[in-house]
Amino acid sequence: MSILSAFNQLPMVRELTPRLFFVYMFMSNFGFDNGWWASVISLQQFADRFGVYDPSTGKNILPSSWQSAGSGTGNAGLAIGCIIAGPIISKIGRKYTVLVIIAFALTGMLIQNVVPSFWGVMVGRMINSISMGLEANNIPMFMAELAPPAARGSLVNFYQWWQLLGVLMSQSTVYKSNLNFPHGQWSYRTVMVVQMIIPLLLCGVFFILPESPRWLLSKGRRDHALAALIYLRKGASTEKEVEEELRLTEQAVEEQERFHKATTYMDCFRGSNGRRTMIATGSQVLEQLSGNAFMSSYAVIFLKQVGIVNPLAATMARVGMSVAGATIAFFAADKIGRRPLMMVTAVIMWIGLWVSAGVSGYKPGGVHGGAAAQGLLACQLIWSLCSTLGWGCCVWMITAEVGTAQLREKTVSIATTFSFIAVLLVSYISPFIQNSPGNLGAKIGFVYGSFSLVAVFFVYFFVPELSNRSLEELDELFQNKVPAWRFKSYKATGVGVQITQIQNINADKGLTLIEAVNTDEEVGESTSSVGEGDKSGVKVKTTKD
């Protein structure tokens, strides 16, 4: 089999239908909106239009308090979006929440372009960021519910990959417009206008999106759920497989609803569930404190301070390395594992930021081009690759995997809320540490690099290896209080082990049809029975491509 044929047979590639592709594309909107600010605030043209005059430099500047407000209001909007997301998504569904997202996005973008003041831009940025908070809650859930089981793990990584692609597009737009319009408002205005293209395109895409079959089932609309699933799986699964998938999904929804009636947010902090919540929340927060939140808002300014001559081009290269890291994660996260990737990359991130801060702080007057600047740029590129590979991608996988079925949505909600709080704090505090009155400049790398060192110990003692086990098998390990460093070698004995075997067959041999049948029935030549001792079991029939 050729490499191309083998690639085309990967579950991720085989199951990536156009409808799923367009759903994932929403995350480029998140990345674009979240990425342009870090580049624009470094432009003198933007400061000339919206800043205040500084007698000491003879130029307009954006005061530290304004930079803080600019980044902080966006993160505040994200937090608001996360808070209101739950009731909206539950009430109107995943698909129509997309319309709400588009409405908030276009309203905010319009205000940014029409109101001629810095604070008008801030109001528009906050409204637009509310749409991003809604996206952060709705789109990953939408992705998980629409993706078929054979490809769900790999497809979750598109969440981060599309975000980074959006960041790269936004920063490329700023870089190119600054070259073409070096002295006018279009050096920064172009990206503020171009960002409207994505939600406008998504207005048309909306009409070909299906509603989540799981949500439709939860509302008692089985016929609509079947129609949506047939539409979604067209070209990837047979009608028989779609019918069976819906039946199993219906059983899962009914079971989940029974469990959820007895669960609350307080249950997320009790017993083994408290440990799971701590793992998800700690991983999310440490990702931001290790430099991700800082680089998202102030990367260009930091690169200027370490002596990079062309910080906009360097920022584009940095984001390109992040995209490369996310691409590698499609395969490395399962082959190598989340835990070793997170520990090794955290060490590299720690060294990278400390070297950058140390070299730029050691040289009198800082670094101004030359070999030292190129070396620091190399450190930043390696940092970006490792940050995304080990933390940007793996953290979201862990957040989605670690919660028990009854509390998974609540665990994710708690973790992401604390993550955005961390982003908000970093965005508000960093300008005052980096510039006046703290005046650390590039030495701020010592601060965030130190958190990467903390992250190494956190992962070793608290974050277990979750790959290559079914979610039910993970339940057994958490209930047995297995230490994080023993998860990989622990031999589970419960029904979760058998479910893991079924999933491995699915990954190795092709499309797998799981049928609930009587143990006396025969399902074909190749079967595997689960649930011994019951009158009915789960048998697996494998159909090769």
Protein backbone atom coordinates (compact mmCIF):
# COMPACT_ATOMS: atom_id res chain seq x y z
CA MET A 1 0.00 0.00 0.00
CA SER A 2 1.37 3.41 -0.95
CA ILE A 3 1.87 6.18 1.59
CA LEU A 4 -0.99 8.16 0.01
CA SER A 5 -3.33 5.18 0.19
CA ALA A 6 -2.40 4.55 3.81
CA PHE A 7 -2.99 8.22 4.61
CA ASN A 8 -6.40 8.15 2.93
CA GLN A 9 -7.39 5.13 5.04
CA LEU A 10 -6.73 6.91 8.33
CA PRO A 11 -10.03 7.29 10.25
CA MET A 12 -9.42 11.04 10.56
CA VAL A 13 -9.11 11.44 6.78
CA ARG A 14 -11.84 8.95 5.85
CA GLU A 15 -14.42 10.49 8.15
CA LEU A 16 -13.63 14.16 7.44
CA THR A 17 -16.75 14.90 5.38
CA PRO A 18 -17.31 18.42 3.96
CA ARG A 19 -19.98 19.08 6.58
CA LEU A 20 -17.56 18.34 9.43
CA PHE A 21 -14.89 20.39 7.67
CA PHE A 22 -17.09 23.50 7.67
CA VAL A 23 -17.92 23.07 11.36
CA TYR A 24 -14.22 22.96 12.21
CA MET A 25 -13.61 26.06 10.08
CA PHE A 26 -15.39 28.11 12.75
CA MET A 27 -12.26 27.89 14.88
CA SER A 28 -10.27 29.88 12.31
CA ASN A 29 -12.67 32.72 13.15
CA PHE A 30 -11.68 32.34 16.82
CA GLY A 31 -7.99 32.38 15.95
CA PHE A 32 -8.27 35.32 13.55
CA ASP A 33 -10.15 37.46 16.06
CA ASN A 34 -7.82 36.46 18.86
CA GLY A 35 -4.63 36.98 16.85
CA TRP A 36 -4.73 40.38 15.16
CA TRP A 37 -4.56 42.48 18.33
CA ALA A 38 -1.04 41.34 19.30
CA SER A 39 0.28 42.57 15.93
CA VAL A 40 -1.71 45.78 15.59
CA ILE A 41 -0.69 47.28 18.95
CA SER A 42 2.95 47.24 17.82
CA LEU A 43 2.24 49.49 14.81
CA GLN A 44 3.13 53.16 15.14
CA GLN A 45 0.29 54.02 12.74
CA PHE A 46 -2.21 52.53 15.20
CA ALA A 47 -0.69 54.54 18.06
CA ASP A 48 -0.75 57.70 15.92
CA ARG A 49 -4.49 57.24 15.31
CA PHE A 50 -5.67 56.04 18.72
CA GLY A 51 -2.85 56.76 21.20
CA VAL A 52 -1.79 59.78 23.28
CA TYR A 53 1.18 62.09 22.80
CA ASP A 54 4.34 61.27 24.79
CA PRO A 55 6.61 64.35 25.21
CA SER A 56 9.66 62.21 26.02
CA THR A 57 9.57 60.44 22.65
CA GLY A 58 7.78 63.05 20.58
CA LYS A 59 5.38 60.37 19.34
CA ASN A 60 1.97 59.01 20.16
CA ILE A 61 2.01 55.88 22.31
CA LEU A 62 -0.45 53.41 23.79
CA PRO A 63 -0.01 53.64 27.57
CA SER A 64 0.44 50.40 29.49
CA SER A 65 -3.02 50.84 30.99
CA TRP A 66 -4.51 51.05 27.49
CA GLN A 67 -2.63 47.98 26.29
CA SER A 68 -3.86 46.16 29.38
CA ALA A 69 -7.43 47.29 28.72
CA GLY A 70 -7.18 46.29 25.08
CA SER A 71 -6.15 42.74 25.89
CA GLY A 72 -8.22 42.46 29.05
CA THR A 73 -11.53 43.55 27.52
CA GLY A 74 -11.19 40.84 24.91
CA ASN A 75 -10.64 38.23 27.60
CA ALA A 76 -13.52 39.66 29.64
CA GLY A 77 -15.74 39.18 26.59
CA LEU A 78 -14.55 35.59 26.36
CA ALA A 79 -15.53 35.00 29.98
CA ILE A 80 -18.98 36.54 29.41
CA GLY A 81 -19.47 34.33 26.37
CA CYS A 82 -18.59 31.25 28.41
CA ILE A 83 -21.05 32.20 31.15
CA ILE A 84 -24.03 32.69 28.81
CA ALA A 85 -23.15 29.81 26.49
CA GLY A 86 -24.73 26.97 28.49
CA PRO A 87 -28.33 28.21 28.59
CA ILE A 88 -28.23 29.38 24.95
CA ILE A 89 -26.79 26.13 23.59
CA SER A 90 -29.19 24.01 25.62
CA LYS A 91 -32.23 26.05 24.58
CA ILE A 92 -31.76 26.57 20.83
CA GLY A 93 -29.28 23.83 19.94
CA ARG A 94 -25.76 23.72 18.54
CA LYS A 95 -26.67 24.79 15.00
CA TYR A 96 -28.70 27.88 15.86
CA THR A 97 -26.13 28.94 18.44
CA VAL A 98 -23.89 29.41 15.41
CA LEU A 99 -26.24 32.19 14.26
CA VAL A 100 -25.91 33.86 17.66
CA ILE A 101 -22.12 33.61 17.34
CA ILE A 102 -22.22 35.22 13.89
CA ALA A 103 -24.51 38.01 15.12
CA PHE A 104 -22.21 38.92 18.04
CA ALA A 105 -19.13 38.71 15.80
CA LEU A 106 -20.44 40.96 13.05
CA THR A 107 -21.85 43.49 15.54
CA GLY A 108 -18.52 43.78 17.33
CA MET A 109 -16.52 43.99 14.12
CA LEU A 110 -18.82 46.69 12.74
CA ILE A 111 -18.38 48.82 15.88
CA GLN A 112 -14.59 48.43 15.66
CA ASN A 113 -14.59 49.82 12.14
CA VAL A 114 -17.18 52.57 12.56
CA VAL A 115 -16.56 54.18 15.98
CA PRO A 116 -13.51 56.50 15.59
CA SER A 117 -11.92 56.09 19.03
CA PHE A 118 -9.75 53.66 20.96
CA TRP A 119 -12.54 52.90 23.41
CA GLY A 120 -14.96 52.32 20.55
CA VAL A 121 -12.56 49.67 19.28
CA MET A 122 -12.51 48.22 22.81
CA VAL A 123 -16.31 48.00 22.98
CA GLY A 124 -16.40 46.29 19.60
CA ARG A 125 -13.60 43.97 20.66
CA MET A 126 -15.48 42.93 23.81
CA ILE A 127 -18.71 42.22 21.89
CA ASN A 128 -16.79 40.24 19.29
CA SER A 129 -15.04 38.31 22.07
CA ILE A 130 -18.41 37.25 23.48
CA SER A 131 -18.88 35.37 20.22
CA MET A 132 -15.50 33.73 20.80
CA GLY A 133 -16.56 32.61 24.28
CA LEU A 134 -19.66 31.05 22.74
CA GLU A 135 -17.46 29.37 20.14
CA ALA A 136 -15.14 27.94 22.80
CA ASN A 137 -18.10 26.15 24.40
CA ASN A 138 -20.25 25.31 21.37
CA ILE A 139 -17.84 24.32 18.62
CA PRO A 140 -15.79 21.66 20.50
CA MET A 141 -19.04 20.12 21.75
CA PHE A 142 -20.51 20.30 18.25
CA MET A 143 -17.36 18.67 16.86
CA ALA A 144 -17.42 15.86 19.41
CA GLU A 145 -21.10 15.10 18.80
CA LEU A 146 -20.87 15.14 15.00
CA ALA A 147 -17.58 13.25 14.67
CA PRO A 148 -17.87 9.45 14.30
CA PRO A 149 -16.25 7.33 17.04
CA ALA A 150 -13.47 6.05 14.77
CA ALA A 151 -12.12 9.57 14.23
CA ARG A 152 -13.18 11.49 17.32
CA GLY A 153 -9.78 11.56 19.02
CA SER A 154 -7.88 12.88 16.01
CA LEU A 155 -10.59 15.31 15.01
CA VAL A 156 -10.61 16.97 18.44
CA ASN A 157 -7.16 18.31 17.55
CA PHE A 158 -8.71 20.39 14.76
CA TYR A 159 -9.95 22.70 17.52
CA GLN A 160 -6.41 23.94 18.11
CA TRP A 161 -5.19 23.55 14.53
CA TRP A 162 -7.86 25.78 13.03
CA GLN A 163 -7.38 28.39 15.74
CA LEU A 164 -3.69 28.65 14.92
CA LEU A 165 -4.40 28.81 11.21
CA GLY A 166 -6.69 31.78 11.93
CA VAL A 167 -3.95 33.47 13.96
CA LEU A 168 -1.50 32.95 11.09
CA MET A 169 -3.96 34.46 8.60
CA SER A 170 -4.57 37.52 10.78
CA GLN A 171 -0.90 38.21 11.41
CA SER A 172 -0.05 37.67 7.75
CA THR A 173 -2.71 40.25 6.90
CA VAL A 174 -1.19 42.78 9.30
CA TYR A 175 2.32 42.12 7.98
CA LYS A 176 1.32 42.50 4.32
CA SER A 177 -0.85 45.57 4.86
CA ASN A 178 1.95 47.24 6.84
CA LEU A 179 4.27 46.72 3.85
CA ASN A 180 1.74 48.05 1.34
CA PHE A 181 0.42 50.95 3.46
CA PRO A 182 3.36 51.95 5.69
CA HIS A 183 2.08 55.44 6.49
CA GLY A 184 -1.71 55.23 6.45
CA GLN A 185 -4.60 53.84 8.44
CA TRP A 186 -4.92 50.78 6.20
CA SER A 187 -1.77 49.35 7.78
CA TYR A 188 -4.01 48.39 10.73
CA ARG A 189 -7.50 48.93 9.30
CA THR A 190 -7.17 46.17 6.69
CA VAL A 191 -7.19 43.33 9.21
CA MET A 192 -10.16 44.88 11.04
CA VAL A 193 -12.14 44.79 7.78
CA VAL A 194 -10.87 41.43 6.52
CA GLN A 195 -11.90 39.69 9.76
CA MET A 196 -15.54 40.21 8.74
CA ILE A 197 -15.12 37.85 5.78
CA ILE A 198 -15.12 34.66 7.89
CA PRO A 199 -18.47 35.21 9.69
CA LEU A 200 -20.03 36.40 6.41
CA LEU A 201 -18.92 33.17 4.72
CA LEU A 202 -20.26 31.18 7.64
CA CYS A 203 -23.68 32.78 7.13
CA GLY A 204 -23.89 30.81 3.90
CA VAL A 205 -22.35 27.68 5.40
CA PHE A 206 -24.98 27.72 8.15
CA PHE A 207 -27.66 26.45 5.79
CA ILE A 208 -25.79 23.22 5.02
CA LEU A 209 -25.00 22.43 8.66
CA PRO A 210 -26.99 19.67 10.37
CA GLU A 211 -28.18 19.96 13.94
CA SER A 212 -26.49 17.72 16.47
CA PRO A 213 -28.33 14.36 16.48
CA ARG A 214 -27.55 13.99 20.19
CA TRP A 215 -29.22 17.32 20.99
CA LEU A 216 -32.25 16.40 18.85
CA LEU A 217 -32.57 13.09 20.69
CA SER A 218 -32.42 14.89 24.03
CA LYS A 219 -35.41 16.95 22.86
CA GLY A 220 -37.37 13.85 21.77
CA ARG A 221 -37.01 14.57 18.03
CA ARG A 222 -35.84 11.14 16.85
CA ASP A 223 -36.94 11.48 13.20
CA HIS A 224 -35.07 14.76 12.87
CA ALA A 225 -32.04 13.17 14.54
CA LEU A 226 -32.03 10.30 12.04
CA ALA A 227 -32.31 12.70 9.10
CA ALA A 228 -29.45 14.81 10.47
CA LEU A 229 -27.22 11.77 11.00
CA ILE A 230 -27.89 10.37 7.52
CA TYR A 231 -27.05 13.78 6.04
CA LEU A 232 -23.91 14.06 8.15
CA ARG A 233 -22.55 10.57 7.48
CA LYS A 234 -23.33 10.57 3.74
CA GLY A 235 -20.28 9.28 1.91
CA ALA A 236 -18.63 7.88 5.05
CA SER A 237 -21.07 5.27 6.44
CA THR A 238 -23.81 2.99 5.15
CA GLU A 239 -27.46 3.54 6.04
CA LYS A 240 -27.36 0.44 8.26
CA GLU A 241 -24.40 1.84 10.17
CA VAL A 242 -26.20 5.17 10.57
CA GLU A 243 -29.30 3.44 11.97
CA GLU A 244 -27.17 1.47 14.44
CA GLU A 245 -25.20 4.55 15.46
CA LEU A 246 -28.41 6.43 16.16
CA ARG A 247 -29.77 3.54 18.24
CA LEU A 248 -26.62 3.40 20.36
CA THR A 249 -26.56 7.18 20.66
CA GLU A 250 -30.18 7.15 21.79
CA GLN A 251 -29.33 4.63 24.50
CA ALA A 252 -26.37 6.75 25.61
CA VAL A 253 -28.48 9.92 25.77
CA GLU A 254 -31.15 8.19 27.87
CA GLU A 255 -28.51 6.79 30.23
CA GLN A 256 -26.75 10.15 30.50
CA GLU A 257 -29.99 11.93 31.34
CA ARG A 258 -30.67 9.47 34.16
CA PHE A 259 -27.20 10.09 35.61
CA HIS A 260 -27.35 13.87 35.21
CA LYS A 261 -30.49 14.15 37.33
CA ALA A 262 -28.35 13.19 40.33
CA THR A 263 -25.29 15.36 39.57
CA THR A 264 -24.35 18.97 40.31
CA TYR A 265 -21.31 21.20 39.95
CA MET A 266 -20.44 20.39 43.57
CA ASP A 267 -19.97 16.74 42.56
CA CYS A 268 -17.04 17.88 40.40
CA PHE A 269 -15.11 18.62 43.60
CA ARG A 270 -15.89 15.40 45.49
CA GLY A 271 -13.83 12.20 45.60
CA SER A 272 -12.16 11.05 42.40
CA ASN A 273 -14.12 13.66 40.46
CA GLY A 274 -12.31 16.35 42.43
CA ARG A 275 -9.02 14.88 41.26
CA ARG A 276 -10.24 14.90 37.66
CA THR A 277 -11.36 18.53 37.92
CA MET A 278 -7.99 19.49 39.39
CA ILE A 279 -6.15 17.80 36.51
CA ALA A 280 -8.24 19.55 33.84
CA THR A 281 -8.20 22.95 35.56
CA GLY A 282 -4.52 22.83 36.53
CA SER A 283 -3.48 21.90 33.00
CA GLN A 284 -5.56 24.69 31.48
CA VAL A 285 -4.29 27.33 33.90
CA LEU A 286 -0.62 26.30 33.66
CA GLU A 287 -0.83 26.46 29.87
CA GLN A 288 -1.70 30.15 30.18
CA LEU A 289 0.77 30.94 32.98
CA SER A 290 3.62 29.25 31.08
CA GLY A 291 3.54 32.01 28.49
CA ASN A 292 0.68 31.18 26.13
CA ALA A 293 -1.58 33.99 27.35
CA PHE A 294 1.32 36.45 27.34
CA MET A 295 2.47 35.54 23.82
CA SER A 296 -1.09 35.70 22.49
CA SER A 297 -1.34 39.38 23.44
CA TYR A 298 2.21 40.75 23.60
CA ALA A 299 4.39 38.54 21.36
CA VAL A 300 5.37 41.35 18.98
CA ILE A 301 6.33 43.70 21.82
CA PHE A 302 8.37 40.95 23.50
CA LEU A 303 10.19 40.14 20.25
CA LYS A 304 11.03 43.83 19.86
CA GLN A 305 12.48 43.89 23.36
CA VAL A 306 14.72 40.86 22.78
CA GLY A 307 16.21 42.60 19.74
CA ILE A 308 14.35 41.07 16.78
CA VAL A 309 14.67 43.54 13.89
CA ASN A 310 11.41 42.59 12.13
CA PRO A 311 9.04 41.44 14.89
CA LEU A 312 5.99 41.15 12.63
CA ALA A 313 7.75 38.68 10.32
CA ALA A 314 9.13 36.86 13.37
CA THR A 315 5.63 36.61 14.82
CA MET A 316 4.36 35.05 11.59
CA ALA A 317 7.21 32.53 11.72
CA ARG A 318 6.37 31.81 15.36
CA VAL A 319 2.72 31.11 14.51
CA GLY A 320 3.85 28.95 11.58
CA MET A 321 5.83 26.84 14.02
CA SER A 322 2.74 26.59 16.21
CA VAL A 323 0.75 25.27 13.24
CA ALA A 324 3.54 22.73 12.67
CA GLY A 325 3.30 21.68 16.33
CA ALA A 326 -0.46 21.21 16.06
CA THR A 327 0.01 19.15 12.90
CA ILE A 328 2.55 16.86 14.59
CA ALA A 329 0.12 16.45 17.50
CA PHE A 330 -2.38 14.68 15.22
CA PHE A 331 -0.08 11.66 15.41
CA ALA A 332 2.35 12.17 18.32
CA ALA A 333 -0.30 12.61 21.02
CA ASP A 334 -1.50 9.02 20.59
CA LYS A 335 1.78 7.39 19.58
CA ILE A 336 3.98 9.00 22.26
CA GLY A 337 1.33 9.95 24.79
CA ARG A 338 0.08 13.19 26.34
CA ARG A 339 2.11 12.94 29.56
CA PRO A 340 5.66 12.62 28.11
CA LEU A 341 4.92 15.27 25.47
CA MET A 342 3.77 17.73 28.13
CA MET A 343 6.76 17.14 30.43
CA VAL A 344 9.46 17.26 27.74
CA THR A 345 8.02 20.32 26.02
CA ALA A 346 7.58 22.13 29.35
CA VAL A 347 11.31 21.70 30.04
CA ILE A 348 12.16 23.10 26.59
CA MET A 349 9.72 26.01 27.09
CA TRP A 350 11.32 26.81 30.46
CA ILE A 351 14.82 26.84 28.96
CA GLY A 352 13.71 28.85 25.92
CA LEU A 353 12.13 31.70 27.89
CA TRP A 354 14.94 31.84 30.45
CA VAL A 355 17.60 31.95 27.71
CA SER A 356 15.71 34.71 25.88
CA ALA A 357 15.29 36.74 29.06
CA GLY A 358 18.86 36.11 30.23
CA VAL A 359 20.65 37.02 27.00
CA SER A 360 18.61 40.15 26.34
CA GLY A 361 19.00 41.26 29.97
CA TYR A 362 22.73 40.50 30.16
CA LYS A 363 23.78 42.59 27.17
CA PRO A 364 24.00 46.31 28.05
CA GLY A 365 21.21 48.15 26.29
CA GLY A 366 19.68 44.90 25.11
CA VAL A 367 20.16 42.95 21.89
CA HIS A 368 20.13 44.88 18.62
CA GLY A 369 20.29 42.44 15.71
CA GLY A 370 23.18 40.16 14.84
CA ALA A 371 23.83 36.57 15.85
CA ALA A 372 22.41 37.07 19.34
CA ALA A 373 19.06 38.24 17.94
CA GLN A 374 18.95 35.31 15.52
CA GLY A 375 19.67 32.92 18.37
CA LEU A 376 16.86 34.42 20.43
CA LEU A 377 14.52 34.12 17.45
CA ALA A 378 15.43 30.44 17.19
CA CYS A 379 14.57 30.04 20.90
CA GLN A 380 11.17 31.62 20.30
CA LEU A 381 10.43 29.42 17.29
CA ILE A 382 11.32 26.28 19.23
CA TRP A 383 9.23 27.55 22.16
CA SER A 384 6.22 28.03 19.87
CA LEU A 385 6.54 24.53 18.40
CA CYS A 386 6.81 22.91 21.83
CA SER A 387 4.13 25.06 23.44
CA THR A 388 1.54 24.00 20.88
CA LEU A 389 2.63 20.37 20.57
CA GLY A 390 2.80 19.66 24.28
CA TRP A 391 0.30 22.08 25.78
CA GLY A 392 -1.87 23.84 23.21
CA CYS A 393 -3.11 20.50 21.84
CA CYS A 394 -2.65 17.95 24.64
CA VAL A 395 -4.32 20.13 27.28
CA TRP A 396 -7.56 20.19 25.29
CA MET A 397 -7.40 16.43 24.79
CA ILE A 398 -6.92 15.89 28.53
CA THR A 399 -9.71 18.33 29.38
CA ALA A 400 -12.10 16.41 27.13
CA GLU A 401 -10.99 12.95 28.33
CA VAL A 402 -10.44 13.25 32.06
CA GLY A 403 -14.00 13.89 33.28
CA THR A 404 -16.39 11.06 34.02
CA ALA A 405 -19.33 10.70 31.63
CA GLN A 406 -21.86 12.12 34.09
CA LEU A 407 -19.83 15.26 34.75
CA ARG A 408 -17.77 15.74 31.59
CA GLU A 409 -19.53 18.92 30.42
CA LYS A 410 -19.32 20.48 33.88
CA THR A 411 -15.65 19.54 34.27
CA VAL A 412 -14.82 21.17 30.93
CA SER A 413 -16.81 24.27 31.87
CA ILE A 414 -14.96 24.70 35.18
CA ALA A 415 -11.55 24.16 33.57
CA THR A 416 -12.12 26.61 30.71
CA THR A 417 -13.56 29.25 33.04
CA PHE A 418 -10.43 29.17 35.21
CA SER A 419 -8.32 29.20 32.05
CA PHE A 420 -9.91 32.42 30.83
CA ILE A 421 -9.56 33.95 34.30
CA ALA A 422 -5.83 33.19 34.09
CA VAL A 423 -5.68 34.76 30.62
CA LEU A 424 -7.49 37.82 31.93
CA LEU A 425 -5.05 38.25 34.83
CA VAL A 426 -1.98 37.80 32.61
CA SER A 427 -3.31 40.26 30.03
CA TYR A 428 -4.01 42.96 32.62
CA ILE A 429 -0.84 42.52 34.67
CA SER A 430 1.80 41.94 31.98
CA PRO A 431 2.01 45.52 30.59
CA PHE A 432 2.70 46.91 34.07
CA ILE A 433 5.47 44.35 34.66
CA GLN A 434 6.94 44.50 31.18
CA ASN A 435 6.77 48.29 30.78
CA SER A 436 6.42 51.09 33.34
CA PRO A 437 6.36 50.82 36.36
CA GLY A 438 7.92 47.31 36.46
CA ASN A 439 10.23 47.87 33.48
CA LEU A 440 11.27 44.22 33.27
CA GLY A 441 11.18 44.33 29.49
CA ALA A 442 12.34 41.03 28.01
CA LYS A 443 13.22 39.78 31.51
CA ILE A 444 9.53 39.02 31.92
CA GLY A 445 10.50 35.70 30.31
CA PHE A 446 11.93 34.66 33.70
CA VAL A 447 8.44 34.97 35.20
CA TYR A 448 6.57 32.85 32.67
CA GLY A 449 9.46 30.45 32.16
CA SER A 450 9.31 29.63 35.87
CA PHE A 451 5.72 28.46 35.49
CA SER A 452 6.89 26.00 32.81
CA LEU A 453 9.19 24.48 35.42
CA VAL A 454 6.26 24.24 37.84
CA ALA A 455 4.28 22.56 35.04
CA VAL A 456 6.86 19.75 34.77
CA PHE A 457 6.29 18.75 38.40
CA PHE A 458 2.53 19.19 38.11
CA VAL A 459 2.36 16.81 35.16
CA TYR A 460 4.61 14.22 36.81
CA PHE A 461 2.69 14.07 40.08
CA PHE A 462 -0.88 14.76 38.93
CA VAL A 463 -1.49 14.28 35.19
CA PRO A 464 -1.87 10.60 34.19
CA GLU A 465 -1.41 9.11 30.73
CA LEU A 466 -4.91 8.92 29.25
CA SER A 467 -4.16 7.70 25.73
CA ASN A 468 -4.96 4.20 24.45
CA ARG A 469 -7.62 3.52 27.10
CA SER A 470 -11.37 3.78 26.80
CA LEU A 471 -13.11 6.38 28.94
CA GLU A 472 -14.73 3.55 30.89
CA GLU A 473 -11.31 2.03 31.60
CA LEU A 474 -10.12 5.42 32.88
CA ASP A 475 -13.08 5.42 35.29
CA GLU A 476 -11.72 2.23 36.87
CA LEU A 477 -8.23 3.69 37.27
CA PHE A 478 -9.51 6.84 38.94
CA GLN A 479 -11.83 4.89 41.22
CA ASN A 480 -8.88 2.70 42.27
CA LYS A 481 -6.83 5.85 43.04
CA VAL A 482 -3.95 4.83 40.78
CA PRO A 483 -1.09 7.39 41.01
CA ALA A 484 -0.51 9.45 37.88
CA TRP A 485 2.93 7.93 37.20
CA ARG A 486 1.50 4.37 37.29
CA PHE A 487 -1.45 4.87 34.94
CA LYS A 488 0.38 3.65 31.83
CA SER A 489 1.59 0.37 33.37
CA TYR A 490 -1.53 -0.37 35.45
CA LYS A 491 -3.44 -3.49 34.41
CA ALA A 492 -7.16 -2.84 34.58
CA THR A 493 -9.57 -5.76 34.85
CA GLY A 494 -13.05 -4.27 34.43
CA VAL A 495 -15.37 -4.02 31.44
CA GLY A 496 -13.49 -0.92 30.31
CA VAL A 497 -10.62 -3.18 29.17
CA GLN A 498 -12.97 -4.99 26.80
CA ILE A 499 -14.29 -1.70 25.46
CA THR A 500 -10.69 -0.62 24.83
CA GLN A 501 -10.14 -3.80 22.82
CA ILE A 502 -13.19 -3.00 20.69
CA GLN A 503 -11.86 0.49 20.01
CA ASN A 504 -8.46 -0.93 19.02
CA ILE A 505 -10.14 -3.28 16.54
CA ASN A 506 -11.96 -0.27 15.13
CA ALA A 507 -8.69 1.62 14.69
CA ASP A 508 -6.75 -1.32 13.22
CA LYS A 509 -9.17 -3.01 10.84
CA GLY A 510 -11.63 -0.45 9.54
CA LEU A 511 -15.22 0.50 10.07
CA THR A 512 -16.60 -1.41 13.06
CA LEU A 513 -20.26 -2.03 13.67
CA ILE A 514 -21.14 -2.61 17.31
CA GLU A 515 -24.39 -4.52 17.66
CA ALA A 516 -26.23 -5.29 20.88
CA VAL A 517 -27.41 -8.86 20.39
CA ASN A 518 -28.23 -12.02 22.31
CA THR A 519 -25.15 -14.05 23.07
CA ASP A 520 -26.78 -16.98 21.23
CA GLU A 521 -26.94 -15.03 17.95
CA GLU A 522 -24.18 -15.18 15.36
CA VAL A 523 -22.97 -11.97 13.76
CA GLY A 524 -20.44 -13.18 11.24
CA GLU A 525 -17.06 -14.80 11.12
CA SER A 526 -15.17 -12.29 13.26
CA THR A 527 -16.85 -11.43 16.57
CA SER A 528 -15.83 -10.33 20.00
CA SER A 529 -18.22 -10.55 22.96
CA VAL A 530 -18.43 -8.05 25.78
CA GLY A 531 -20.43 -8.35 28.96
CA GLU A 532 -19.91 -12.00 29.82
CA GLY A 533 -22.44 -13.34 32.26
CA ASP A 534 -25.27 -11.28 30.82
CA LYS A 535 -27.96 -12.69 28.57
CA SER A 536 -27.11 -9.98 26.09
CA GLY A 537 -23.71 -8.71 25.12
CA VAL A 538 -22.03 -6.43 22.67
CA LYS A 539 -20.62 -8.08 19.58
CA VAL A 540 -18.32 -6.49 17.10
CA LYS A 541 -18.55 -7.09 13.40
CA THR A 542 -15.64 -5.72 11.42
CA THR A 543 -16.16 -4.76 7.79
CA LYS A 544 -12.98 -4.07 5.90
CA ASP A 545 -12.76 -1.17 3.50
